Amino acid sequence: MGVALSGPVVLDTIVAQGCRPIGPTYRVTQAERNIILAISDPEAGDLDRPPLEVLQDLIQTLTEADRKLAQSSLFIGIAQDSFKLSFDSRDFLIRTLLGVDPKAGAIAVGDRVRPGQRVRFHLRDARTSADDLDSLLRDYQQAQIATAPAGALMFACVGRGEGLYQQANFDSGLFRHYLGAVPLSGFFCGGEIGPVGKTTFLHGFTSVFGICRQP
């Protein structure tokens, strides 16, 4: 199914990736395609280390609840602007960890990675996903936007919804809480498209909103 929008339409986007960072931001020092071979922590003065070794040390510093969560909901964020001096959670494109090579200490991620990029490990759970979307919608509501939204589309991963939150209509309910009676439609899907930084990506486990308004 396709929908075409024409005429004087502004499309504002919200991409809720639903993750929170753990540990410091690392610099990739060796990588091949989607395999990270070595990373360093510039602030700590660490030299190149295998990322699996770094991750194992990091997990030992987590709470018991987060160590358990890391067994099934561990992700990696790739900074979209490696020249920034400081990062927040919205600066990272979240990607899955596909596998590890225990012998080399390398990790495979669900995207291409190049030396010089900044990466940070992330965790995802229901509370984090809820807080992330809440923050994004609140910021949009409080932004100084000249024209009011006329309608919106929501594309939510099948991994969210009632299975994640243990209640139905959670994401759409938050939208309604902040933006009122703006007409909202959409569907659950197995991949969501939306921008992070200045580039558009295919995501998983996200809720993506396209909010339409006049210029």
N, C-alpha and C. Protein backbone atom coordinates (compact mmCIF):
# COMPACT_ATOMS: atom_id res chain seq x y z
N MET A 1 0.85 -1.19 0.00
CA MET A 1 0.00 0.00 0.00
C MET A 1 0.88 1.23 0.00
N GLY A 2 0.53 2.21 -0.79
CA GLY A 2 1.29 3.46 -0.84
C GLY A 2 0.38 4.64 -0.58
N VAL A 3 0.94 5.67 0.01
CA VAL A 3 0.23 6.93 0.24
C VAL A 3 1.09 8.05 -0.29
N ALA A 4 0.54 8.89 -1.17
CA ALA A 4 1.27 10.03 -1.71
C ALA A 4 0.72 11.31 -1.12
N LEU A 5 1.60 12.18 -0.65
CA LEU A 5 1.21 13.48 -0.12
C LEU A 5 1.73 14.54 -1.08
N SER A 6 0.87 15.45 -1.51
CA SER A 6 1.29 16.49 -2.45
C SER A 6 0.80 17.84 -1.96
N GLY A 7 1.37 18.88 -2.57
CA GLY A 7 0.98 20.22 -2.19
C GLY A 7 1.83 20.76 -1.05
N PRO A 8 1.39 21.85 -0.43
CA PRO A 8 2.18 22.49 0.64
C PRO A 8 2.07 21.72 1.95
N VAL A 9 2.86 20.66 2.08
CA VAL A 9 2.82 19.81 3.27
C VAL A 9 4.20 19.74 3.90
N VAL A 10 4.27 19.96 5.19
CA VAL A 10 5.48 19.72 5.97
C VAL A 10 5.30 18.40 6.71
N LEU A 11 6.30 17.53 6.65
CA LEU A 11 6.24 16.26 7.35
C LEU A 11 7.30 16.25 8.45
N ASP A 12 6.86 16.41 9.69
CA ASP A 12 7.76 16.31 10.84
C ASP A 12 7.87 14.85 11.24
N THR A 13 9.06 14.42 11.63
CA THR A 13 9.26 13.01 11.98
C THR A 13 9.73 12.87 13.42
N ILE A 14 9.28 11.81 14.04
CA ILE A 14 9.74 11.40 15.37
C ILE A 14 10.12 9.93 15.27
N VAL A 15 11.34 9.61 15.64
CA VAL A 15 11.83 8.22 15.61
C VAL A 15 12.21 7.83 17.03
N ALA A 16 11.41 6.98 17.63
CA ALA A 16 11.65 6.53 19.00
C ALA A 16 12.35 5.17 18.95
N GLN A 17 13.65 5.17 19.22
CA GLN A 17 14.42 3.93 19.15
C GLN A 17 14.36 3.13 20.46
N GLY A 18 14.00 3.79 21.55
CA GLY A 18 13.68 3.08 22.79
C GLY A 18 14.85 2.43 23.50
N CYS A 19 16.03 3.02 23.42
CA CYS A 19 17.20 2.45 24.09
C CYS A 19 17.84 3.47 25.02
N ARG A 20 18.59 2.97 26.01
CA ARG A 20 19.37 3.85 26.88
C ARG A 20 20.82 3.39 26.86
N PRO A 21 21.75 4.33 26.88
CA PRO A 21 23.16 3.97 26.78
C PRO A 21 23.72 3.43 28.09
N ILE A 22 24.70 2.58 27.96
CA ILE A 22 25.44 2.09 29.13
C ILE A 22 26.93 2.25 28.82
N GLY A 23 27.70 2.60 29.82
CA GLY A 23 29.13 2.72 29.63
C GLY A 23 29.52 3.95 28.82
N PRO A 24 30.80 4.13 28.57
CA PRO A 24 31.30 5.30 27.85
C PRO A 24 31.10 5.17 26.34
N THR A 25 31.39 6.26 25.66
CA THR A 25 31.41 6.26 24.19
C THR A 25 32.81 5.89 23.71
N TYR A 26 32.89 4.89 22.84
CA TYR A 26 34.17 4.40 22.35
C TYR A 26 34.42 4.86 20.92
N ARG A 27 35.69 4.85 20.53
CA ARG A 27 36.06 5.13 19.15
C ARG A 27 36.48 3.82 18.48
N VAL A 28 35.91 3.57 17.30
CA VAL A 28 36.29 2.39 16.52
C VAL A 28 37.66 2.64 15.91
N THR A 29 38.58 1.75 16.18
CA THR A 29 39.94 1.91 15.64
C THR A 29 40.26 0.90 14.54
N GLN A 30 39.58 -0.26 14.56
CA GLN A 30 39.75 -1.24 13.49
C GLN A 30 38.38 -1.84 13.16
N ALA A 31 38.06 -1.88 11.88
CA ALA A 31 36.77 -2.45 11.46
C ALA A 31 36.86 -2.90 10.01
N GLU A 32 36.09 -3.94 9.70
CA GLU A 32 35.95 -4.43 8.33
C GLU A 32 34.48 -4.68 8.06
N ARG A 33 33.92 -3.89 7.15
CA ARG A 33 32.49 -3.97 6.82
C ARG A 33 31.66 -3.82 8.10
N ASN A 34 30.98 -4.87 8.55
CA ASN A 34 30.15 -4.76 9.75
C ASN A 34 30.81 -5.43 10.96
N ILE A 35 32.10 -5.69 10.89
CA ILE A 35 32.83 -6.34 11.99
C ILE A 35 33.71 -5.31 12.70
N ILE A 36 33.49 -5.14 13.99
CA ILE A 36 34.33 -4.25 14.79
C ILE A 36 35.44 -5.10 15.41
N LEU A 37 36.67 -4.74 15.10
CA LEU A 37 37.83 -5.53 15.55
C LEU A 37 38.51 -4.93 16.77
N ALA A 38 38.46 -3.61 16.90
CA ALA A 38 39.12 -2.96 18.04
C ALA A 38 38.47 -1.61 18.30
N ILE A 39 38.40 -1.24 19.58
CA ILE A 39 37.87 0.05 19.98
C ILE A 39 38.76 0.62 21.09
N SER A 40 38.63 1.92 21.32
CA SER A 40 39.38 2.56 22.39
C SER A 40 38.48 3.55 23.11
N ASP A 41 38.86 3.87 24.33
CA ASP A 41 38.15 4.88 25.12
C ASP A 41 39.08 6.08 25.26
N PRO A 42 38.95 7.10 24.41
CA PRO A 42 39.89 8.22 24.43
C PRO A 42 39.93 8.94 25.77
N GLU A 43 38.79 9.06 26.44
CA GLU A 43 38.76 9.80 27.70
C GLU A 43 39.53 9.07 28.79
N ALA A 44 39.50 7.75 28.75
CA ALA A 44 40.21 6.96 29.76
C ALA A 44 41.65 6.68 29.36
N GLY A 45 42.02 7.05 28.16
CA GLY A 45 43.38 6.81 27.69
C GLY A 45 43.65 5.38 27.31
N ASP A 46 42.58 4.58 27.11
CA ASP A 46 42.76 3.17 26.74
C ASP A 46 43.28 3.05 25.31
N LEU A 47 44.16 2.10 25.11
CA LEU A 47 44.62 1.76 23.77
C LEU A 47 43.62 0.82 23.13
N ASP A 48 43.92 0.41 21.91
CA ASP A 48 43.03 -0.51 21.19
C ASP A 48 42.79 -1.77 22.01
N ARG A 49 41.51 -2.15 22.11
CA ARG A 49 41.15 -3.40 22.78
C ARG A 49 40.08 -4.10 21.96
N PRO A 50 40.03 -5.42 22.02
CA PRO A 50 38.94 -6.14 21.36
C PRO A 50 37.60 -5.73 21.96
N PRO A 51 36.61 -5.44 21.15
CA PRO A 51 35.33 -4.96 21.68
C PRO A 51 34.62 -5.97 22.59
N LEU A 52 34.80 -7.26 22.32
CA LEU A 52 34.17 -8.26 23.17
C LEU A 52 34.75 -8.21 24.58
N GLU A 53 36.04 -8.00 24.69
CA GLU A 53 36.70 -7.87 25.99
C GLU A 53 36.18 -6.64 26.73
N VAL A 54 36.05 -5.54 26.01
CA VAL A 54 35.53 -4.31 26.60
C VAL A 54 34.10 -4.52 27.09
N LEU A 55 33.30 -5.17 26.27
CA LEU A 55 31.90 -5.41 26.62
C LEU A 55 31.78 -6.30 27.85
N GLN A 56 32.60 -7.32 27.93
CA GLN A 56 32.56 -8.21 29.10
C GLN A 56 32.91 -7.46 30.38
N ASP A 57 33.91 -6.57 30.30
CA ASP A 57 34.25 -5.76 31.47
C ASP A 57 33.12 -4.81 31.83
N LEU A 58 32.49 -4.23 30.81
CA LEU A 58 31.39 -3.29 31.05
C LEU A 58 30.22 -3.98 31.73
N ILE A 59 29.87 -5.17 31.29
CA ILE A 59 28.73 -5.88 31.86
C ILE A 59 28.94 -6.16 33.35
N GLN A 60 30.18 -6.36 33.74
CA GLN A 60 30.46 -6.62 35.16
C GLN A 60 30.17 -5.41 36.04
N THR A 61 30.12 -4.22 35.45
CA THR A 61 29.85 -3.01 36.23
C THR A 61 28.36 -2.70 36.34
N LEU A 62 27.51 -3.45 35.64
CA LEU A 62 26.09 -3.17 35.63
C LEU A 62 25.39 -3.75 36.86
N THR A 63 24.18 -3.29 37.10
CA THR A 63 23.37 -3.88 38.15
C THR A 63 22.95 -5.28 37.74
N GLU A 64 22.48 -6.04 38.70
CA GLU A 64 22.06 -7.41 38.40
C GLU A 64 20.93 -7.41 37.37
N ALA A 65 20.00 -6.46 37.50
CA ALA A 65 18.88 -6.39 36.56
C ALA A 65 19.35 -6.08 35.15
N ASP A 66 20.31 -5.17 35.03
CA ASP A 66 20.82 -4.82 33.70
C ASP A 66 21.67 -5.93 33.11
N ARG A 67 22.39 -6.67 33.95
CA ARG A 67 23.16 -7.81 33.42
C ARG A 67 22.22 -8.85 32.85
N LYS A 68 21.10 -9.07 33.51
CA LYS A 68 20.11 -10.02 33.00
C LYS A 68 19.50 -9.50 31.70
N LEU A 69 19.22 -8.20 31.65
CA LEU A 69 18.63 -7.60 30.46
C LEU A 69 19.60 -7.68 29.28
N ALA A 70 20.90 -7.56 29.56
CA ALA A 70 21.90 -7.59 28.50
C ALA A 70 21.96 -8.94 27.79
N GLN A 71 21.45 -9.99 28.41
CA GLN A 71 21.46 -11.31 27.78
C GLN A 71 20.54 -11.37 26.57
N SER A 72 19.52 -10.50 26.54
CA SER A 72 18.55 -10.59 25.44
C SER A 72 18.28 -9.26 24.75
N SER A 73 18.65 -8.15 25.37
CA SER A 73 18.27 -6.83 24.82
C SER A 73 19.46 -5.88 24.77
N LEU A 74 20.59 -6.39 24.30
CA LEU A 74 21.80 -5.58 24.18
C LEU A 74 21.96 -5.13 22.73
N PHE A 75 22.21 -3.83 22.54
CA PHE A 75 22.36 -3.26 21.21
C PHE A 75 23.60 -2.36 21.19
N ILE A 76 23.92 -1.87 20.02
CA ILE A 76 25.03 -0.93 19.90
C ILE A 76 24.54 0.29 19.13
N GLY A 77 24.95 1.47 19.59
CA GLY A 77 24.61 2.71 18.91
C GLY A 77 25.81 3.24 18.15
N ILE A 78 25.57 3.69 16.92
CA ILE A 78 26.62 4.25 16.08
C ILE A 78 26.35 5.74 15.94
N ALA A 79 27.26 6.58 16.43
CA ALA A 79 27.07 8.02 16.37
C ALA A 79 27.04 8.49 14.92
N GLN A 80 26.10 9.38 14.61
CA GLN A 80 25.98 9.87 13.24
C GLN A 80 26.88 11.06 12.96
N ASP A 81 27.44 11.64 14.02
CA ASP A 81 28.41 12.72 13.86
C ASP A 81 29.56 12.47 14.82
N SER A 82 30.63 11.86 14.32
CA SER A 82 31.73 11.47 15.19
C SER A 82 32.60 12.64 15.62
N PHE A 83 32.31 13.85 15.12
CA PHE A 83 33.11 15.01 15.47
C PHE A 83 32.54 15.79 16.66
N LYS A 84 31.35 15.38 17.14
CA LYS A 84 30.78 16.06 18.29
C LYS A 84 31.63 15.80 19.53
N LEU A 85 31.63 16.77 20.44
CA LEU A 85 32.40 16.63 21.67
C LEU A 85 31.63 15.87 22.73
N SER A 86 30.32 15.93 22.68
CA SER A 86 29.49 15.19 23.63
C SER A 86 28.27 14.64 22.91
N PHE A 87 27.75 13.54 23.43
CA PHE A 87 26.66 12.85 22.76
C PHE A 87 25.50 12.61 23.73
N ASP A 88 24.27 12.60 23.19
CA ASP A 88 23.15 12.10 23.96
C ASP A 88 22.52 10.95 23.19
N SER A 89 21.49 10.35 23.74
CA SER A 89 20.94 9.13 23.16
C SER A 89 20.40 9.33 21.75
N ARG A 90 20.02 10.56 21.40
CA ARG A 90 19.43 10.81 20.09
C ARG A 90 20.49 10.94 18.99
N ASP A 91 21.75 10.94 19.37
CA ASP A 91 22.83 11.05 18.39
C ASP A 91 23.20 9.69 17.79
N PHE A 92 22.66 8.61 18.35
CA PHE A 92 23.10 7.27 17.95
C PHE A 92 22.04 6.55 17.12
N LEU A 93 22.50 5.89 16.08
CA LEU A 93 21.68 4.97 15.31
C LEU A 93 21.81 3.59 15.96
N ILE A 94 20.70 3.04 16.44
CA ILE A 94 20.73 1.78 17.18
C ILE A 94 20.73 0.61 16.20
N ARG A 95 21.67 -0.31 16.41
CA ARG A 95 21.77 -1.50 15.57
C ARG A 95 21.94 -2.74 16.44
N THR A 96 21.55 -3.88 15.89
CA THR A 96 21.62 -5.14 16.63
C THR A 96 23.05 -5.67 16.64
N LEU A 97 23.34 -6.48 17.66
CA LEU A 97 24.58 -7.25 17.70
C LEU A 97 24.30 -8.60 17.08
N LEU A 98 24.98 -8.90 15.98
CA LEU A 98 24.67 -10.12 15.23
C LEU A 98 25.44 -11.34 15.72
N GLY A 99 26.60 -11.13 16.33
CA GLY A 99 27.40 -12.26 16.77
C GLY A 99 28.77 -11.82 17.24
N VAL A 100 29.51 -12.76 17.80
CA VAL A 100 30.85 -12.47 18.31
C VAL A 100 31.82 -13.54 17.83
N ASP A 101 33.09 -13.17 17.82
CA ASP A 101 34.17 -14.10 17.54
C ASP A 101 35.02 -14.16 18.81
N PRO A 102 34.79 -15.17 19.67
CA PRO A 102 35.51 -15.22 20.95
C PRO A 102 37.03 -15.26 20.79
N LYS A 103 37.51 -15.88 19.72
CA LYS A 103 38.96 -16.00 19.54
C LYS A 103 39.59 -14.64 19.24
N ALA A 104 38.98 -13.88 18.35
CA ALA A 104 39.51 -12.57 17.97
C ALA A 104 38.99 -11.45 18.86
N GLY A 105 37.92 -11.73 19.60
CA GLY A 105 37.31 -10.68 20.43
C GLY A 105 36.53 -9.67 19.62
N ALA A 106 36.15 -10.03 18.39
CA ALA A 106 35.43 -9.11 17.50
C ALA A 106 33.92 -9.29 17.68
N ILE A 107 33.18 -8.26 17.28
CA ILE A 107 31.72 -8.34 17.29
C ILE A 107 31.19 -7.90 15.93
N ALA A 108 30.11 -8.56 15.50
CA ALA A 108 29.45 -8.20 14.25
C ALA A 108 28.17 -7.44 14.57
N VAL A 109 27.95 -6.34 13.86
CA VAL A 109 26.77 -5.50 14.11
C VAL A 109 25.96 -5.39 12.83
N GLY A 110 24.73 -4.94 12.97
CA GLY A 110 23.81 -4.91 11.84
C GLY A 110 23.94 -3.68 10.96
N ASP A 111 25.15 -3.25 10.70
CA ASP A 111 25.39 -2.12 9.81
C ASP A 111 26.88 -2.05 9.52
N ARG A 112 27.24 -1.32 8.48
CA ARG A 112 28.66 -1.10 8.20
C ARG A 112 29.25 -0.13 9.21
N VAL A 113 30.47 -0.39 9.61
CA VAL A 113 31.16 0.46 10.58
C VAL A 113 32.54 0.77 10.02
N ARG A 114 32.99 1.99 10.23
CA ARG A 114 34.31 2.37 9.72
C ARG A 114 35.16 2.91 10.86
N PRO A 115 36.47 2.80 10.77
CA PRO A 115 37.36 3.36 11.78
C PRO A 115 37.12 4.86 11.95
N GLY A 116 37.18 5.30 13.20
CA GLY A 116 36.95 6.71 13.51
C GLY A 116 35.55 6.99 14.02
N GLN A 117 34.60 6.09 13.73
CA GLN A 117 33.25 6.30 14.23
C GLN A 117 33.20 6.07 15.74
N ARG A 118 32.22 6.72 16.37
CA ARG A 118 31.99 6.54 17.81
C ARG A 118 30.84 5.57 18.01
N VAL A 119 30.97 4.69 18.98
CA VAL A 119 29.93 3.71 19.28
C VAL A 119 29.70 3.65 20.79
N ARG A 120 28.52 3.21 21.15
CA ARG A 120 28.19 3.06 22.57
C ARG A 120 27.18 1.93 22.71
N PHE A 121 27.35 1.10 23.71
CA PHE A 121 26.42 -0.01 23.94
C PHE A 121 25.14 0.52 24.57
N HIS A 122 24.03 -0.14 24.25
CA HIS A 122 22.71 0.28 24.73
C HIS A 122 21.90 -0.92 25.20
N LEU A 123 20.93 -0.65 26.06
CA LEU A 123 19.95 -1.63 26.50
C LEU A 123 18.55 -1.14 26.16
N ARG A 124 17.65 -2.10 25.95
CA ARG A 124 16.26 -1.76 25.67
C ARG A 124 15.33 -2.56 26.57
N ASP A 125 14.35 -1.88 27.15
CA ASP A 125 13.28 -2.54 27.89
C ASP A 125 12.03 -1.67 27.80
N ALA A 126 10.94 -2.13 28.39
CA ALA A 126 9.67 -1.41 28.27
C ALA A 126 9.76 -0.01 28.86
N ARG A 127 10.36 0.13 30.04
CA ARG A 127 10.44 1.44 30.68
C ARG A 127 11.28 2.41 29.85
N THR A 128 12.41 1.94 29.35
CA THR A 128 13.25 2.79 28.52
C THR A 128 12.52 3.22 27.26
N SER A 129 11.83 2.28 26.60
CA SER A 129 11.08 2.62 25.39
C SER A 129 10.00 3.64 25.68
N ALA A 130 9.31 3.48 26.80
CA ALA A 130 8.25 4.42 27.17
C ALA A 130 8.83 5.81 27.46
N ASP A 131 9.91 5.86 28.22
CA ASP A 131 10.52 7.14 28.57
C ASP A 131 11.05 7.87 27.33
N ASP A 132 11.62 7.11 26.40
CA ASP A 132 12.17 7.71 25.19
C ASP A 132 11.07 8.37 24.37
N LEU A 133 9.99 7.64 24.12
CA LEU A 133 8.89 8.20 23.33
C LEU A 133 8.24 9.36 24.06
N ASP A 134 8.08 9.24 25.37
CA ASP A 134 7.49 10.32 26.17
C ASP A 134 8.31 11.60 26.00
N SER A 135 9.62 11.48 26.08
CA SER A 135 10.50 12.64 25.96
C SER A 135 10.41 13.27 24.57
N LEU A 136 10.39 12.44 23.53
CA LEU A 136 10.34 12.96 22.16
C LEU A 136 9.02 13.67 21.88
N LEU A 137 7.91 13.09 22.31
CA LEU A 137 6.61 13.72 22.09
C LEU A 137 6.46 14.99 22.90
N ARG A 138 6.97 14.99 24.11
CA ARG A 138 6.91 16.20 24.95
C ARG A 138 7.71 17.33 24.31
N ASP A 139 8.90 17.00 23.80
CA ASP A 139 9.72 18.02 23.15
C ASP A 139 9.02 18.57 21.90
N TYR A 140 8.36 17.70 21.15
CA TYR A 140 7.65 18.17 19.96
C TYR A 140 6.48 19.08 20.35
N GLN A 141 5.76 18.69 21.39
CA GLN A 141 4.63 19.50 21.84
C GLN A 141 5.09 20.90 22.28
N GLN A 142 6.26 20.97 22.91
CA GLN A 142 6.74 22.23 23.45
C GLN A 142 7.53 23.06 22.45
N ALA A 143 7.83 22.49 21.28
CA ALA A 143 8.58 23.23 20.26
C ALA A 143 7.73 24.37 19.71
N GLN A 144 8.42 25.43 19.30
CA GLN A 144 7.73 26.60 18.76
C GLN A 144 7.43 26.37 17.28
N ILE A 145 6.35 25.62 17.01
CA ILE A 145 5.96 25.30 15.64
C ILE A 145 4.82 26.23 15.23
N ALA A 146 4.98 26.88 14.07
CA ALA A 146 4.05 27.93 13.68
C ALA A 146 2.66 27.41 13.31
N THR A 147 2.58 26.19 12.76
CA THR A 147 1.29 25.65 12.34
C THR A 147 0.99 24.35 13.09
N ALA A 148 -0.27 24.14 13.38
CA ALA A 148 -0.69 22.97 14.15
C ALA A 148 -0.72 21.73 13.27
N PRO A 149 -0.44 20.55 13.84
CA PRO A 149 -0.53 19.31 13.06
C PRO A 149 -1.94 19.08 12.54
N ALA A 150 -2.04 18.60 11.29
CA ALA A 150 -3.34 18.31 10.70
C ALA A 150 -3.67 16.82 10.77
N GLY A 151 -2.65 15.98 10.90
CA GLY A 151 -2.85 14.54 10.96
C GLY A 151 -1.50 13.87 11.07
N ALA A 152 -1.49 12.59 11.40
CA ALA A 152 -0.22 11.90 11.59
C ALA A 152 -0.35 10.42 11.25
N LEU A 153 0.78 9.83 10.90
CA LEU A 153 0.90 8.40 10.65
C LEU A 153 1.88 7.81 11.65
N MET A 154 1.57 6.62 12.16
CA MET A 154 2.44 5.94 13.10
C MET A 154 2.77 4.55 12.58
N PHE A 155 4.07 4.23 12.58
CA PHE A 155 4.52 2.91 12.15
C PHE A 155 5.30 2.30 13.31
N ALA A 156 4.75 1.29 13.94
CA ALA A 156 5.34 0.70 15.14
C ALA A 156 5.79 -0.73 14.87
N CYS A 157 6.94 -1.08 15.43
CA CYS A 157 7.45 -2.43 15.27
C CYS A 157 6.54 -3.44 15.98
N VAL A 158 6.42 -4.62 15.40
CA VAL A 158 5.62 -5.67 16.03
C VAL A 158 6.24 -6.10 17.37
N GLY A 159 7.51 -5.72 17.61
CA GLY A 159 8.15 -6.02 18.89
C GLY A 159 7.76 -5.07 20.00
N ARG A 160 6.97 -4.05 19.67
CA ARG A 160 6.50 -3.12 20.70
C ARG A 160 5.06 -3.50 21.05
N GLY A 161 4.19 -2.55 21.19
CA GLY A 161 2.79 -2.84 21.45
C GLY A 161 2.56 -3.56 22.77
N GLU A 162 1.49 -4.33 22.80
CA GLU A 162 1.09 -5.00 24.04
C GLU A 162 2.12 -6.02 24.50
N GLY A 163 2.85 -6.63 23.56
CA GLY A 163 3.87 -7.60 23.95
C GLY A 163 4.99 -7.00 24.76
N LEU A 164 5.30 -5.73 24.51
CA LEU A 164 6.37 -5.05 25.24
C LEU A 164 5.84 -4.38 26.50
N TYR A 165 4.74 -3.66 26.36
CA TYR A 165 4.24 -2.82 27.46
C TYR A 165 3.22 -3.50 28.36
N GLN A 166 2.73 -4.68 27.95
CA GLN A 166 1.68 -5.37 28.69
C GLN A 166 0.38 -4.56 28.74
N GLN A 167 0.20 -3.68 27.79
CA GLN A 167 -1.06 -2.96 27.63
C GLN A 167 -1.17 -2.50 26.19
N ALA A 168 -2.40 -2.43 25.71
CA ALA A 168 -2.63 -2.06 24.31
C ALA A 168 -2.56 -0.55 24.12
N ASN A 169 -2.26 -0.14 22.88
CA ASN A 169 -2.35 1.27 22.47
C ASN A 169 -1.42 2.19 23.25
N PHE A 170 -0.28 1.69 23.71
CA PHE A 170 0.57 2.52 24.56
C PHE A 170 1.17 3.68 23.78
N ASP A 171 1.82 3.40 22.63
CA ASP A 171 2.46 4.46 21.87
C ASP A 171 1.44 5.46 21.34
N SER A 172 0.34 4.97 20.79
CA SER A 172 -0.68 5.88 20.28
C SER A 172 -1.34 6.66 21.42
N GLY A 173 -1.44 6.04 22.59
CA GLY A 173 -1.98 6.74 23.74
C GLY A 173 -1.10 7.89 24.19
N LEU A 174 0.23 7.68 24.15
CA LEU A 174 1.15 8.78 24.48
C LEU A 174 1.02 9.91 23.46
N PHE A 175 0.90 9.55 22.20
CA PHE A 175 0.70 10.56 21.16
C PHE A 175 -0.53 11.38 21.46
N ARG A 176 -1.62 10.72 21.79
CA ARG A 176 -2.87 11.42 22.11
C ARG A 176 -2.71 12.30 23.35
N HIS A 177 -1.95 11.83 24.32
CA HIS A 177 -1.74 12.60 25.55
C HIS A 177 -1.08 13.94 25.25
N TYR A 178 -0.11 13.96 24.35
CA TYR A 178 0.64 15.19 24.10
C TYR A 178 0.06 16.03 22.97
N LEU A 179 -0.53 15.39 21.96
CA LEU A 179 -0.98 16.14 20.79
C LEU A 179 -2.50 16.18 20.64
N GLY A 180 -3.21 15.64 21.62
CA GLY A 180 -4.66 15.78 21.64
C GLY A 180 -5.34 15.02 20.52
N ALA A 181 -6.32 15.67 19.89
CA ALA A 181 -7.20 15.00 18.94
C ALA A 181 -6.68 15.04 17.51
N VAL A 182 -5.37 15.14 17.32
CA VAL A 182 -4.81 15.07 15.96
C VAL A 182 -5.11 13.69 15.38
N PRO A 183 -5.75 13.60 14.20
CA PRO A 183 -6.06 12.29 13.61
C PRO A 183 -4.78 11.46 13.41
N LEU A 184 -4.84 10.21 13.85
CA LEU A 184 -3.67 9.34 13.80
C LEU A 184 -4.05 8.00 13.18
N SER A 185 -3.26 7.53 12.23
CA SER A 185 -3.47 6.22 11.63
C SER A 185 -2.12 5.56 11.43
N GLY A 186 -2.13 4.29 11.07
CA GLY A 186 -0.87 3.58 10.85
C GLY A 186 -1.03 2.10 11.07
N PHE A 187 0.10 1.43 11.30
CA PHE A 187 0.04 -0.02 11.47
C PHE A 187 1.33 -0.53 12.11
N PHE A 188 1.28 -1.78 12.56
CA PHE A 188 2.47 -2.47 13.04
C PHE A 188 3.22 -3.06 11.84
N CYS A 189 4.53 -3.10 11.92
CA CYS A 189 5.32 -3.59 10.79
C CYS A 189 6.62 -4.23 11.26
N GLY A 190 7.32 -4.86 10.33
CA GLY A 190 8.56 -5.55 10.64
C GLY A 190 9.79 -4.77 10.21
N GLY A 191 9.67 -3.46 10.15
CA GLY A 191 10.77 -2.58 9.77
C GLY A 191 10.21 -1.19 9.58
N GLU A 192 10.83 -0.20 10.16
CA GLU A 192 10.32 1.16 10.14
C GLU A 192 11.36 2.07 9.49
N ILE A 193 10.90 3.06 8.74
CA ILE A 193 11.79 3.97 8.03
C ILE A 193 11.71 5.34 8.66
N GLY A 194 12.86 5.92 8.97
CA GLY A 194 12.85 7.26 9.54
C GLY A 194 14.26 7.78 9.71
N PRO A 195 14.39 9.11 9.88
CA PRO A 195 15.72 9.72 9.95
C PRO A 195 16.32 9.68 11.35
N VAL A 196 17.63 9.51 11.40
CA VAL A 196 18.44 9.77 12.59
C VAL A 196 19.55 10.71 12.14
N GLY A 197 19.64 11.88 12.74
CA GLY A 197 20.53 12.89 12.22
C GLY A 197 20.01 13.38 10.88
N LYS A 198 20.88 13.43 9.88
CA LYS A 198 20.50 13.95 8.57
C LYS A 198 20.28 12.85 7.54
N THR A 199 20.25 11.59 7.99
CA THR A 199 20.12 10.47 7.06
C THR A 199 18.96 9.58 7.46
N THR A 200 18.28 9.03 6.47
CA THR A 200 17.15 8.14 6.71
C THR A 200 17.61 6.68 6.71
N PHE A 201 17.08 5.90 7.66
CA PHE A 201 17.50 4.51 7.83
C PHE A 201 16.29 3.59 7.96
N LEU A 202 16.55 2.31 7.77
CA LEU A 202 15.58 1.27 8.10
C LEU A 202 15.86 0.80 9.53
N HIS A 203 14.84 0.78 10.36
CA HIS A 203 14.99 0.48 11.78
C HIS A 203 14.25 -0.80 12.16
N GLY A 204 14.49 -1.24 13.39
CA GLY A 204 13.71 -2.29 14.02
C GLY A 204 13.43 -1.89 15.46
N PHE A 205 12.33 -2.36 16.01
CA PHE A 205 11.93 -2.12 17.39
C PHE A 205 11.61 -0.64 17.68
N THR A 206 11.30 0.14 16.65
CA THR A 206 11.03 1.55 16.86
C THR A 206 9.55 1.87 16.64
N SER A 207 9.18 3.07 17.05
CA SER A 207 7.93 3.69 16.63
C SER A 207 8.29 4.96 15.89
N VAL A 208 7.83 5.07 14.66
CA VAL A 208 8.13 6.22 13.83
C VAL A 208 6.84 6.96 13.52
N PHE A 209 6.84 8.26 13.78
CA PHE A 209 5.68 9.10 13.51
C PHE A 209 6.00 10.08 12.38
N GLY A 210 5.07 10.23 11.45
CA GLY A 210 5.13 11.28 10.44
C GLY A 210 3.97 12.22 10.70
N ILE A 211 4.27 13.45 11.10
CA ILE A 211 3.25 14.42 11.51
C ILE A 211 3.10 15.46 10.40
N CYS A 212 1.92 15.57 9.83
CA CYS A 212 1.67 16.45 8.70
C CYS A 212 1.08 17.78 9.16
N ARG A 213 1.60 18.86 8.58
CA ARG A 213 1.07 20.19 8.87
C ARG A 213 1.34 21.10 7.68
N GLN A 214 0.68 22.24 7.66
CA GLN A 214 0.92 23.23 6.62
C GLN A 214 2.23 23.97 6.92
N PRO A 215 2.92 24.47 5.87
CA PRO A 215 4.14 25.25 6.08
C PRO A 215 3.85 26.48 6.94
